[in-house]
Amino acid sequence: MDAGQESYLRFLGGDDTALTDLLRQYREGLILYVNTFTQNIFDAEDVVQEVFVKLCLKKPKYRDTASFKTWLYTIARNKAIDFLRKKKPETDLAALNARQQAAEISAVEDAYLQNETQRTVRAAMQALKPDYAQVLFLTYFADLSNKQTAKIMHRSVHSVETLNSRARTALKLLLEQEDLL
């Protein structure tokens, strides 16, 4: 049983401090993952908040068919897709908040990404196709296996392996073009 699963089971058992443990352990990683969908850190934060609200209010059953982390990232993926379906076109207000959003992204990334290499790769990933960014994030930053990533992305393991290979190649080319490799 991993720490996330143990915390969630404690929360379901009535220990409200366990939710704080879950937030501390998964919030920042989930925000960065959801940001690969929304391309807006504020929207990503809202979606992740909805994920934790769902855990609090609906208390969905965790079935031990996948790791807790995989299960939680799948919930976040589904919430992000729902958000994008409902999202209205961007307004000029978003453009006015661009500087604040950039500072917010940087703060979240700095808290989650520990060294310069990871920051450079993360910045380059934003220029990749969304599927490429998602598969790279899940396998390298969230440290999930191809099987777990396949489950979250609703793809076969072979498809994830192929996508991962193509994403790494695209990222390498991008980093080489920018003289970062």
N, C-alpha and C. Protein backbone atom coordinates (compact mmCIF):
# COMPACT_ATOMS: atom_id res chain seq x y z
N MET A 1 0.86 -1.17 0.00
CA MET A 1 0.00 0.00 0.00
C MET A 1 0.91 1.24 0.00
N ASP A 2 0.68 2.13 -0.98
CA ASP A 2 1.51 3.33 -1.05
C ASP A 2 0.95 4.40 -0.10
N ALA A 3 1.73 5.46 0.08
CA ALA A 3 1.37 6.52 1.03
C ALA A 3 0.06 7.21 0.65
N GLY A 4 -0.16 7.43 -0.65
CA GLY A 4 -1.38 8.07 -1.10
C GLY A 4 -2.60 7.24 -0.78
N GLN A 5 -2.51 5.95 -1.07
CA GLN A 5 -3.62 5.05 -0.79
C GLN A 5 -3.90 5.01 0.71
N GLU A 6 -2.85 4.94 1.50
CA GLU A 6 -2.98 4.89 2.95
C GLU A 6 -3.64 6.17 3.47
N SER A 7 -3.23 7.32 2.94
CA SER A 7 -3.82 8.60 3.36
C SER A 7 -5.29 8.67 2.97
N TYR A 8 -5.61 8.22 1.76
CA TYR A 8 -7.01 8.28 1.31
C TYR A 8 -7.89 7.36 2.15
N LEU A 9 -7.39 6.19 2.47
CA LEU A 9 -8.17 5.27 3.31
C LEU A 9 -8.35 5.84 4.71
N ARG A 10 -7.33 6.53 5.23
CA ARG A 10 -7.46 7.22 6.53
C ARG A 10 -8.54 8.30 6.43
N PHE A 11 -8.54 9.05 5.32
CA PHE A 11 -9.54 10.10 5.13
C PHE A 11 -10.94 9.50 5.08
N LEU A 12 -11.09 8.42 4.33
CA LEU A 12 -12.40 7.76 4.26
C LEU A 12 -12.84 7.25 5.63
N GLY A 13 -11.86 6.91 6.46
CA GLY A 13 -12.15 6.44 7.81
C GLY A 13 -12.46 7.56 8.80
N GLY A 14 -12.37 8.82 8.34
CA GLY A 14 -12.74 9.94 9.20
C GLY A 14 -11.59 10.83 9.64
N ASP A 15 -10.37 10.54 9.21
CA ASP A 15 -9.21 11.35 9.59
C ASP A 15 -9.05 12.49 8.58
N ASP A 16 -9.53 13.69 8.95
CA ASP A 16 -9.49 14.83 8.03
C ASP A 16 -8.08 15.32 7.76
N THR A 17 -7.14 15.04 8.63
CA THR A 17 -5.75 15.46 8.38
C THR A 17 -5.14 14.68 7.21
N ALA A 18 -5.70 13.53 6.91
CA ALA A 18 -5.18 12.73 5.80
C ALA A 18 -5.39 13.45 4.47
N LEU A 19 -6.44 14.25 4.36
CA LEU A 19 -6.66 15.02 3.13
C LEU A 19 -5.55 16.04 2.94
N THR A 20 -5.09 16.64 4.02
CA THR A 20 -3.97 17.57 3.95
C THR A 20 -2.73 16.86 3.43
N ASP A 21 -2.51 15.63 3.88
CA ASP A 21 -1.38 14.84 3.40
C ASP A 21 -1.48 14.60 1.89
N LEU A 22 -2.69 14.28 1.42
CA LEU A 22 -2.90 14.06 -0.02
C LEU A 22 -2.63 15.34 -0.81
N LEU A 23 -3.13 16.45 -0.32
CA LEU A 23 -2.90 17.74 -0.98
C LEU A 23 -1.41 18.04 -1.07
N ARG A 24 -0.73 17.87 0.03
CA ARG A 24 0.71 18.16 0.07
C ARG A 24 1.48 17.25 -0.90
N GLN A 25 1.08 16.01 -0.98
CA GLN A 25 1.81 15.05 -1.81
C GLN A 25 1.52 15.18 -3.30
N TYR A 26 0.29 15.51 -3.69
CA TYR A 26 -0.10 15.42 -5.10
C TYR A 26 -0.49 16.73 -5.77
N ARG A 27 -0.79 17.78 -5.05
CA ARG A 27 -1.36 18.99 -5.63
C ARG A 27 -0.49 19.59 -6.73
N GLU A 28 0.78 19.84 -6.44
CA GLU A 28 1.63 20.53 -7.42
C GLU A 28 1.84 19.70 -8.68
N GLY A 29 2.06 18.42 -8.52
CA GLY A 29 2.23 17.54 -9.68
C GLY A 29 0.97 17.48 -10.52
N LEU A 30 -0.18 17.43 -9.87
CA LEU A 30 -1.44 17.41 -10.60
C LEU A 30 -1.66 18.72 -11.35
N ILE A 31 -1.31 19.84 -10.73
CA ILE A 31 -1.47 21.13 -11.41
C ILE A 31 -0.63 21.16 -12.68
N LEU A 32 0.61 20.74 -12.58
CA LEU A 32 1.47 20.74 -13.77
C LEU A 32 0.95 19.78 -14.83
N TYR A 33 0.45 18.63 -14.42
CA TYR A 33 -0.11 17.68 -15.37
C TYR A 33 -1.35 18.26 -16.06
N VAL A 34 -2.27 18.79 -15.29
CA VAL A 34 -3.50 19.36 -15.85
C VAL A 34 -3.18 20.56 -16.74
N ASN A 35 -2.11 21.27 -16.42
CA ASN A 35 -1.71 22.41 -17.24
C ASN A 35 -1.33 21.97 -18.66
N THR A 36 -0.92 20.71 -18.85
CA THR A 36 -0.65 20.23 -20.21
C THR A 36 -1.94 20.17 -21.04
N PHE A 37 -3.08 20.12 -20.38
CA PHE A 37 -4.38 20.17 -21.07
C PHE A 37 -4.85 21.60 -21.24
N THR A 38 -4.84 22.34 -20.14
CA THR A 38 -5.49 23.66 -20.12
C THR A 38 -4.62 24.78 -20.68
N GLN A 39 -3.30 24.61 -20.61
CA GLN A 39 -2.36 25.65 -21.03
C GLN A 39 -2.60 26.96 -20.29
N ASN A 40 -3.15 26.84 -19.08
CA ASN A 40 -3.42 28.01 -18.24
C ASN A 40 -3.32 27.55 -16.80
N ILE A 41 -2.36 28.06 -16.06
CA ILE A 41 -2.11 27.59 -14.70
C ILE A 41 -3.28 27.84 -13.77
N PHE A 42 -4.01 28.95 -13.98
CA PHE A 42 -5.16 29.23 -13.13
C PHE A 42 -6.27 28.21 -13.37
N ASP A 43 -6.51 27.88 -14.63
CA ASP A 43 -7.50 26.85 -14.94
C ASP A 43 -7.06 25.51 -14.39
N ALA A 44 -5.77 25.21 -14.49
CA ALA A 44 -5.25 23.94 -13.96
C ALA A 44 -5.47 23.86 -12.45
N GLU A 45 -5.22 24.97 -11.76
CA GLU A 45 -5.46 24.99 -10.31
C GLU A 45 -6.93 24.76 -10.00
N ASP A 46 -7.82 25.37 -10.79
CA ASP A 46 -9.26 25.18 -10.58
C ASP A 46 -9.66 23.72 -10.79
N VAL A 47 -9.12 23.10 -11.84
CA VAL A 47 -9.44 21.70 -12.13
C VAL A 47 -8.95 20.81 -10.99
N VAL A 48 -7.74 21.04 -10.53
CA VAL A 48 -7.20 20.22 -9.43
C VAL A 48 -8.01 20.43 -8.16
N GLN A 49 -8.47 21.66 -7.95
CA GLN A 49 -9.34 21.90 -6.80
C GLN A 49 -10.61 21.06 -6.92
N GLU A 50 -11.16 20.97 -8.14
CA GLU A 50 -12.35 20.14 -8.35
C GLU A 50 -12.06 18.67 -8.06
N VAL A 51 -10.85 18.22 -8.38
CA VAL A 51 -10.47 16.83 -8.10
C VAL A 51 -10.55 16.58 -6.59
N PHE A 52 -9.96 17.48 -5.81
CA PHE A 52 -9.96 17.29 -4.37
C PHE A 52 -11.34 17.51 -3.75
N VAL A 53 -12.14 18.39 -4.35
CA VAL A 53 -13.52 18.55 -3.89
C VAL A 53 -14.28 17.25 -4.13
N LYS A 54 -14.06 16.62 -5.27
CA LYS A 54 -14.70 15.34 -5.56
C LYS A 54 -14.29 14.30 -4.52
N LEU A 55 -13.01 14.26 -4.18
CA LEU A 55 -12.55 13.31 -3.16
C LEU A 55 -13.24 13.57 -1.83
N CYS A 56 -13.40 14.86 -1.49
CA CYS A 56 -14.02 15.22 -0.20
C CYS A 56 -15.50 14.93 -0.14
N LEU A 57 -16.21 15.34 -1.18
CA LEU A 57 -17.67 15.27 -1.14
C LEU A 57 -18.23 13.93 -1.59
N LYS A 58 -17.72 13.43 -2.70
CA LYS A 58 -18.27 12.19 -3.25
C LYS A 58 -17.59 10.95 -2.70
N LYS A 59 -16.36 11.13 -2.21
CA LYS A 59 -15.57 10.04 -1.65
C LYS A 59 -15.63 8.78 -2.52
N PRO A 60 -15.16 8.90 -3.77
CA PRO A 60 -15.23 7.74 -4.66
C PRO A 60 -14.41 6.58 -4.10
N LYS A 61 -14.86 5.38 -4.41
CA LYS A 61 -14.18 4.18 -3.94
C LYS A 61 -12.91 3.98 -4.74
N TYR A 62 -11.83 3.76 -4.03
CA TYR A 62 -10.56 3.41 -4.68
C TYR A 62 -10.50 1.89 -4.75
N ARG A 63 -10.40 1.39 -5.98
CA ARG A 63 -10.26 -0.05 -6.19
C ARG A 63 -8.79 -0.31 -6.48
N ASP A 64 -8.29 -1.33 -5.91
CA ASP A 64 -6.86 -1.62 -5.98
C ASP A 64 -6.47 -2.24 -7.34
N THR A 65 -7.07 -1.77 -8.43
CA THR A 65 -6.73 -2.29 -9.76
C THR A 65 -5.55 -1.55 -10.36
N ALA A 66 -5.23 -0.40 -9.81
CA ALA A 66 -4.08 0.40 -10.24
C ALA A 66 -3.54 1.11 -9.00
N SER A 67 -2.36 1.71 -9.12
CA SER A 67 -1.83 2.44 -7.98
C SER A 67 -2.73 3.64 -7.68
N PHE A 68 -2.67 4.12 -6.45
CA PHE A 68 -3.48 5.27 -6.08
C PHE A 68 -3.13 6.47 -6.95
N LYS A 69 -1.85 6.65 -7.22
CA LYS A 69 -1.40 7.78 -8.03
C LYS A 69 -2.01 7.72 -9.43
N THR A 70 -2.02 6.52 -10.02
CA THR A 70 -2.64 6.35 -11.34
C THR A 70 -4.12 6.69 -11.28
N TRP A 71 -4.80 6.22 -10.26
CA TRP A 71 -6.23 6.47 -10.09
C TRP A 71 -6.48 7.98 -9.96
N LEU A 72 -5.67 8.66 -9.15
CA LEU A 72 -5.85 10.10 -8.93
C LEU A 72 -5.57 10.89 -10.20
N TYR A 73 -4.51 10.54 -10.92
CA TYR A 73 -4.19 11.24 -12.17
C TYR A 73 -5.27 10.98 -13.24
N THR A 74 -5.90 9.82 -13.19
CA THR A 74 -7.00 9.53 -14.13
C THR A 74 -8.19 10.43 -13.82
N ILE A 75 -8.49 10.60 -12.55
CA ILE A 75 -9.57 11.52 -12.16
C ILE A 75 -9.25 12.93 -12.65
N ALA A 76 -7.99 13.36 -12.46
CA ALA A 76 -7.58 14.70 -12.90
C ALA A 76 -7.70 14.83 -14.41
N ARG A 77 -7.30 13.82 -15.15
CA ARG A 77 -7.40 13.84 -16.61
C ARG A 77 -8.86 14.01 -17.03
N ASN A 78 -9.74 13.24 -16.43
CA ASN A 78 -11.16 13.31 -16.77
C ASN A 78 -11.75 14.68 -16.44
N LYS A 79 -11.35 15.23 -15.29
CA LYS A 79 -11.82 16.57 -14.92
C LYS A 79 -11.30 17.62 -15.90
N ALA A 80 -10.05 17.46 -16.35
CA ALA A 80 -9.47 18.42 -17.31
C ALA A 80 -10.21 18.35 -18.64
N ILE A 81 -10.52 17.16 -19.09
CA ILE A 81 -11.27 17.00 -20.35
C ILE A 81 -12.66 17.61 -20.21
N ASP A 82 -13.32 17.36 -19.08
CA ASP A 82 -14.64 17.97 -18.84
C ASP A 82 -14.54 19.49 -18.85
N PHE A 83 -13.50 20.01 -18.22
CA PHE A 83 -13.30 21.46 -18.18
C PHE A 83 -13.15 22.02 -19.60
N LEU A 84 -12.34 21.36 -20.41
CA LEU A 84 -12.11 21.85 -21.78
C LEU A 84 -13.39 21.80 -22.62
N ARG A 85 -14.21 20.81 -22.38
CA ARG A 85 -15.49 20.72 -23.11
C ARG A 85 -16.41 21.90 -22.78
N LYS A 86 -16.37 22.31 -21.52
CA LYS A 86 -17.26 23.38 -21.06
C LYS A 86 -16.67 24.77 -21.22
N LYS A 87 -15.38 24.83 -21.49
CA LYS A 87 -14.68 26.12 -21.50
C LYS A 87 -15.19 27.03 -22.61
N LYS A 88 -15.35 28.29 -22.25
CA LYS A 88 -15.75 29.31 -23.22
C LYS A 88 -14.49 29.92 -23.82
N PRO A 89 -14.62 30.56 -24.98
CA PRO A 89 -13.45 31.19 -25.60
C PRO A 89 -12.77 32.19 -24.66
N GLU A 90 -11.45 32.30 -24.81
CA GLU A 90 -10.64 33.20 -23.98
C GLU A 90 -11.12 34.65 -24.14
N THR A 91 -11.01 35.40 -23.07
CA THR A 91 -11.35 36.82 -23.12
C THR A 91 -10.06 37.63 -23.03
N ASP A 92 -10.19 38.92 -23.23
CA ASP A 92 -9.03 39.80 -23.13
C ASP A 92 -8.47 39.85 -21.71
N LEU A 93 -9.28 39.51 -20.73
CA LEU A 93 -8.82 39.49 -19.35
C LEU A 93 -7.66 38.52 -19.19
N ALA A 94 -7.70 37.41 -19.91
CA ALA A 94 -6.61 36.43 -19.84
C ALA A 94 -5.30 37.05 -20.33
N ALA A 95 -5.38 37.86 -21.37
CA ALA A 95 -4.17 38.51 -21.87
C ALA A 95 -3.62 39.50 -20.86
N LEU A 96 -4.50 40.19 -20.14
CA LEU A 96 -4.05 41.16 -19.14
C LEU A 96 -3.34 40.47 -17.97
N ASN A 97 -3.70 39.24 -17.71
CA ASN A 97 -3.12 38.51 -16.58
C ASN A 97 -1.93 37.65 -16.99
N ALA A 98 -1.41 37.82 -18.19
CA ALA A 98 -0.34 36.96 -18.69
C ALA A 98 0.90 37.02 -17.80
N ARG A 99 1.29 38.21 -17.37
CA ARG A 99 2.48 38.33 -16.51
C ARG A 99 2.27 37.63 -15.18
N GLN A 100 1.11 37.83 -14.61
CA GLN A 100 0.82 37.19 -13.33
C GLN A 100 0.79 35.67 -13.50
N GLN A 101 0.22 35.21 -14.60
CA GLN A 101 0.16 33.78 -14.87
C GLN A 101 1.57 33.20 -15.04
N ALA A 102 2.43 33.90 -15.74
CA ALA A 102 3.81 33.43 -15.93
C ALA A 102 4.52 33.31 -14.59
N ALA A 103 4.31 34.28 -13.71
CA ALA A 103 4.92 34.22 -12.38
C ALA A 103 4.36 33.05 -11.58
N GLU A 104 3.07 32.80 -11.72
CA GLU A 104 2.43 31.70 -11.02
C GLU A 104 2.96 30.35 -11.52
N ILE A 105 3.10 30.21 -12.84
CA ILE A 105 3.65 28.98 -13.41
C ILE A 105 5.06 28.76 -12.89
N SER A 106 5.85 29.80 -12.91
CA SER A 106 7.23 29.70 -12.45
C SER A 106 7.29 29.27 -10.99
N ALA A 107 6.43 29.82 -10.16
CA ALA A 107 6.43 29.47 -8.74
C ALA A 107 6.08 28.00 -8.53
N VAL A 108 5.06 27.52 -9.25
CA VAL A 108 4.67 26.11 -9.13
C VAL A 108 5.78 25.21 -9.65
N GLU A 109 6.36 25.57 -10.78
CA GLU A 109 7.45 24.76 -11.34
C GLU A 109 8.65 24.74 -10.41
N ASP A 110 9.02 25.89 -9.86
CA ASP A 110 10.16 25.94 -8.96
C ASP A 110 9.94 25.06 -7.74
N ALA A 111 8.71 25.02 -7.26
CA ALA A 111 8.43 24.18 -6.10
C ALA A 111 8.51 22.70 -6.45
N TYR A 112 8.13 22.36 -7.68
CA TYR A 112 8.06 20.95 -8.07
C TYR A 112 9.33 20.47 -8.74
N LEU A 113 9.93 21.28 -9.54
CA LEU A 113 11.13 20.87 -10.28
C LEU A 113 12.37 21.35 -9.55
N GLN A 114 13.23 20.43 -9.23
CA GLN A 114 14.33 20.77 -8.32
C GLN A 114 15.59 21.29 -8.99
N ASN A 115 15.88 20.91 -10.20
CA ASN A 115 17.15 21.38 -10.76
C ASN A 115 16.97 22.02 -12.13
N GLU A 116 17.99 22.66 -12.58
CA GLU A 116 17.94 23.45 -13.82
C GLU A 116 17.63 22.60 -15.05
N THR A 117 18.14 21.41 -15.11
CA THR A 117 17.88 20.54 -16.26
C THR A 117 16.39 20.26 -16.39
N GLN A 118 15.75 19.94 -15.29
CA GLN A 118 14.32 19.67 -15.33
C GLN A 118 13.54 20.92 -15.75
N ARG A 119 13.94 22.09 -15.28
CA ARG A 119 13.25 23.33 -15.68
C ARG A 119 13.39 23.56 -17.18
N THR A 120 14.57 23.33 -17.72
CA THR A 120 14.81 23.51 -19.15
C THR A 120 13.96 22.55 -19.97
N VAL A 121 13.94 21.30 -19.56
CA VAL A 121 13.14 20.29 -20.27
C VAL A 121 11.66 20.63 -20.16
N ARG A 122 11.21 21.03 -19.00
CA ARG A 122 9.79 21.39 -18.81
C ARG A 122 9.40 22.56 -19.71
N ALA A 123 10.26 23.55 -19.82
CA ALA A 123 9.98 24.70 -20.68
C ALA A 123 9.90 24.26 -22.14
N ALA A 124 10.80 23.39 -22.55
CA ALA A 124 10.78 22.90 -23.94
C ALA A 124 9.54 22.04 -24.20
N MET A 125 9.09 21.32 -23.19
CA MET A 125 7.92 20.46 -23.35
C MET A 125 6.66 21.25 -23.70
N GLN A 126 6.61 22.50 -23.26
CA GLN A 126 5.43 23.31 -23.54
C GLN A 126 5.26 23.59 -25.03
N ALA A 127 6.34 23.44 -25.81
CA ALA A 127 6.26 23.66 -27.25
C ALA A 127 5.85 22.39 -28.00
N LEU A 128 5.77 21.27 -27.30
CA LEU A 128 5.41 20.01 -27.93
C LEU A 128 3.89 19.87 -28.07
N LYS A 129 3.48 18.91 -28.91
CA LYS A 129 2.06 18.59 -29.01
C LYS A 129 1.56 18.15 -27.64
N PRO A 130 0.30 18.43 -27.31
CA PRO A 130 -0.22 18.09 -25.98
C PRO A 130 -0.04 16.61 -25.60
N ASP A 131 -0.28 15.69 -26.52
CA ASP A 131 -0.10 14.27 -26.20
C ASP A 131 1.34 13.97 -25.84
N TYR A 132 2.28 14.58 -26.54
CA TYR A 132 3.70 14.39 -26.25
C TYR A 132 4.03 14.92 -24.86
N ALA A 133 3.55 16.13 -24.57
CA ALA A 133 3.83 16.72 -23.26
C ALA A 133 3.23 15.88 -22.14
N GLN A 134 2.02 15.36 -22.36
CA GLN A 134 1.36 14.56 -21.33
C GLN A 134 2.11 13.26 -21.07
N VAL A 135 2.49 12.56 -22.13
CA VAL A 135 3.16 11.27 -21.93
C VAL A 135 4.52 11.47 -21.28
N LEU A 136 5.24 12.51 -21.66
CA LEU A 136 6.53 12.78 -21.03
C LEU A 136 6.36 13.18 -19.58
N PHE A 137 5.36 14.01 -19.29
CA PHE A 137 5.13 14.42 -17.91
C PHE A 137 4.81 13.21 -17.04
N LEU A 138 3.89 12.37 -17.51
CA LEU A 138 3.47 11.23 -16.70
C LEU A 138 4.60 10.24 -16.46
N THR A 139 5.42 9.98 -17.49
CA THR A 139 6.46 8.98 -17.33
C THR A 139 7.71 9.50 -16.64
N TYR A 140 8.06 10.75 -16.85
CA TYR A 140 9.32 11.26 -16.30
C TYR A 140 9.15 12.16 -15.08
N PHE A 141 8.15 13.00 -15.06
CA PHE A 141 7.98 13.90 -13.92
C PHE A 141 7.12 13.27 -12.84
N ALA A 142 6.03 12.59 -13.24
CA ALA A 142 5.18 11.92 -12.25
C ALA A 142 5.70 10.53 -11.94
N ASP A 143 6.71 10.08 -12.69
CA ASP A 143 7.39 8.80 -12.45
C ASP A 143 6.43 7.61 -12.50
N LEU A 144 5.54 7.62 -13.48
CA LEU A 144 4.61 6.51 -13.67
C LEU A 144 5.15 5.56 -14.73
N SER A 145 4.77 4.31 -14.62
CA SER A 145 5.18 3.32 -15.61
C SER A 145 4.37 3.51 -16.90
N ASN A 146 4.82 2.86 -17.97
CA ASN A 146 4.06 2.93 -19.23
C ASN A 146 2.66 2.35 -19.05
N LYS A 147 2.55 1.32 -18.25
CA LYS A 147 1.23 0.72 -18.00
C LYS A 147 0.31 1.70 -17.28
N GLN A 148 0.83 2.39 -16.27
CA GLN A 148 0.03 3.37 -15.54
C GLN A 148 -0.33 4.55 -16.44
N THR A 149 0.64 4.99 -17.24
CA THR A 149 0.41 6.10 -18.17
C THR A 149 -0.66 5.71 -19.19
N ALA A 150 -0.60 4.49 -19.68
CA ALA A 150 -1.59 4.01 -20.66
C ALA A 150 -2.99 4.04 -20.05
N LYS A 151 -3.09 3.64 -18.81
CA LYS A 151 -4.39 3.63 -18.15
C LYS A 151 -4.94 5.06 -18.02
N ILE A 152 -4.09 5.99 -17.63
CA ILE A 152 -4.52 7.38 -17.46
C ILE A 152 -4.92 7.99 -18.80
N MET A 153 -4.12 7.73 -19.84
CA MET A 153 -4.36 8.35 -21.14
C MET A 153 -5.37 7.57 -22.00
N HIS A 154 -5.88 6.47 -21.48
CA HIS A 154 -6.84 5.64 -22.21
C HIS A 154 -6.25 5.15 -23.54
N ARG A 155 -5.05 4.60 -23.45
CA ARG A 155 -4.35 4.08 -24.61
C ARG A 155 -3.78 2.72 -24.25
N SER A 156 -3.33 2.00 -25.27
CA SER A 156 -2.65 0.74 -25.00
C SER A 156 -1.22 1.03 -24.55
N VAL A 157 -0.60 0.04 -23.92
CA VAL A 157 0.79 0.20 -23.48
C VAL A 157 1.68 0.41 -24.70
N HIS A 158 1.43 -0.34 -25.77
CA HIS A 158 2.23 -0.19 -26.98
C HIS A 158 2.10 1.24 -27.54
N SER A 159 0.88 1.76 -27.54
CA SER A 159 0.65 3.12 -28.03
C SER A 159 1.42 4.13 -27.18
N VAL A 160 1.43 3.94 -25.88
CA VAL A 160 2.17 4.84 -25.00
C VAL A 160 3.67 4.73 -25.26
N GLU A 161 4.15 3.52 -25.46
CA GLU A 161 5.58 3.34 -25.75
C GLU A 161 5.97 4.06 -27.04
N THR A 162 5.13 3.92 -28.06
CA THR A 162 5.38 4.60 -29.33
C THR A 162 5.31 6.11 -29.16
N LEU A 163 4.27 6.57 -28.49
CA LEU A 163 4.10 8.00 -28.24
C LEU A 163 5.27 8.54 -27.43
N ASN A 164 5.71 7.80 -26.46
CA ASN A 164 6.84 8.20 -25.62
C ASN A 164 8.11 8.34 -26.46
N SER A 165 8.33 7.39 -27.35
CA SER A 165 9.50 7.43 -28.21
C SER A 165 9.46 8.65 -29.13
N ARG A 166 8.32 8.89 -29.73
CA ARG A 166 8.17 10.05 -30.62
C ARG A 166 8.31 11.36 -29.85
N ALA A 167 7.77 11.38 -28.66
CA ALA A 167 7.84 12.60 -27.83
C ALA A 167 9.29 12.89 -27.43
N ARG A 168 10.03 11.85 -27.05
CA ARG A 168 11.44 12.06 -26.70
C ARG A 168 12.23 12.56 -27.89
N THR A 169 11.95 11.99 -29.09
CA THR A 169 12.64 12.43 -30.30
C THR A 169 12.32 13.90 -30.60
N ALA A 170 11.05 14.25 -30.51
CA ALA A 170 10.64 15.64 -30.77
C ALA A 170 11.27 16.59 -29.75
N LEU A 171 11.31 16.17 -28.49
CA LEU A 171 11.91 17.01 -27.46
C LEU A 171 13.41 17.16 -27.69
N LYS A 172 14.07 16.08 -28.07
CA LYS A 172 15.51 16.13 -28.34
C LYS A 172 15.80 17.10 -29.49
N LEU A 173 15.01 17.01 -30.57
CA LEU A 173 15.19 17.92 -31.70
C LEU A 173 14.98 19.37 -31.28
N LEU A 174 13.98 19.60 -30.49
CA LEU A 174 13.69 20.96 -30.02
C LEU A 174 14.83 21.48 -29.16
N LEU A 175 15.34 20.66 -28.26
CA LEU A 175 16.45 21.08 -27.39
C LEU A 175 17.72 21.30 -28.20
N GLU A 176 17.93 20.50 -29.23
CA GLU A 176 19.10 20.68 -30.09
C GLU A 176 19.00 21.98 -30.90
N GLN A 177 17.79 22.29 -31.37
CA GLN A 177 17.58 23.53 -32.13
C GLN A 177 17.85 24.75 -31.26
N GLU A 178 17.54 24.63 -29.99
CA GLU A 178 17.72 25.73 -29.06
C GLU A 178 19.12 25.70 -28.43
N ASP A 179 19.96 24.79 -28.89
CA ASP A 179 21.33 24.61 -28.35
C ASP A 179 21.31 24.34 -26.86
N LEU A 180 20.33 23.58 -26.41
CA LEU A 180 20.23 23.24 -25.00
C LEU A 180 20.79 21.85 -24.71
N LEU A 181 21.13 21.12 -25.76
CA LEU A 181 21.71 19.80 -25.57
C LEU A 181 23.18 19.81 -25.90
